[in-house]
Amino acid sequence: SLNEMVSDALCLPRRKTRSLAEVVHQKTLGIPLFVVEFLDALLTEKLLIHNLETGWGWDVDSIDLKKISSGVAALLACKLEQLPSQVLSAVKIISVLGSHVDRGVLEAVKKYDGSDGSTLI
């Protein structure tokens, strides 16, 4: 889960990172690349801070007001452009299905040849 990822990254119990993880998920849809970039931006902008005496700190309300920068989208677009064309086609198809895709759908997309779509049915 995203809370587990945030908890592990900050070396804090999950109960302490739950509020941060919730707002990060809301902003990034839980997409790992966006999560990493968003957390990095929070550090850079001092919305996520570490103090040797008190540990990690953040203000959920300030983070909630932060917008995802177009830099994250540009980074993802650049990485997607580097994929082989068949993989990119599969990613485009799967992207419209949401964050959870059944294995059978993945198999159908894998077999898709780019034609009229009858191989997907």
Foldseek 3Di string as FASTA:
>chain_A
DQLVVVCVVQVHDSVVCVLVSVLLCVQQVPDVLLSVVLVVVCVVVVQWDQDPVPGIDHDSVVSNPDHRDCVSVVVVVVVLVPDPPLVSQLCVVVVVVDDDDDPLQSVQSNPDDPPPCPSSD
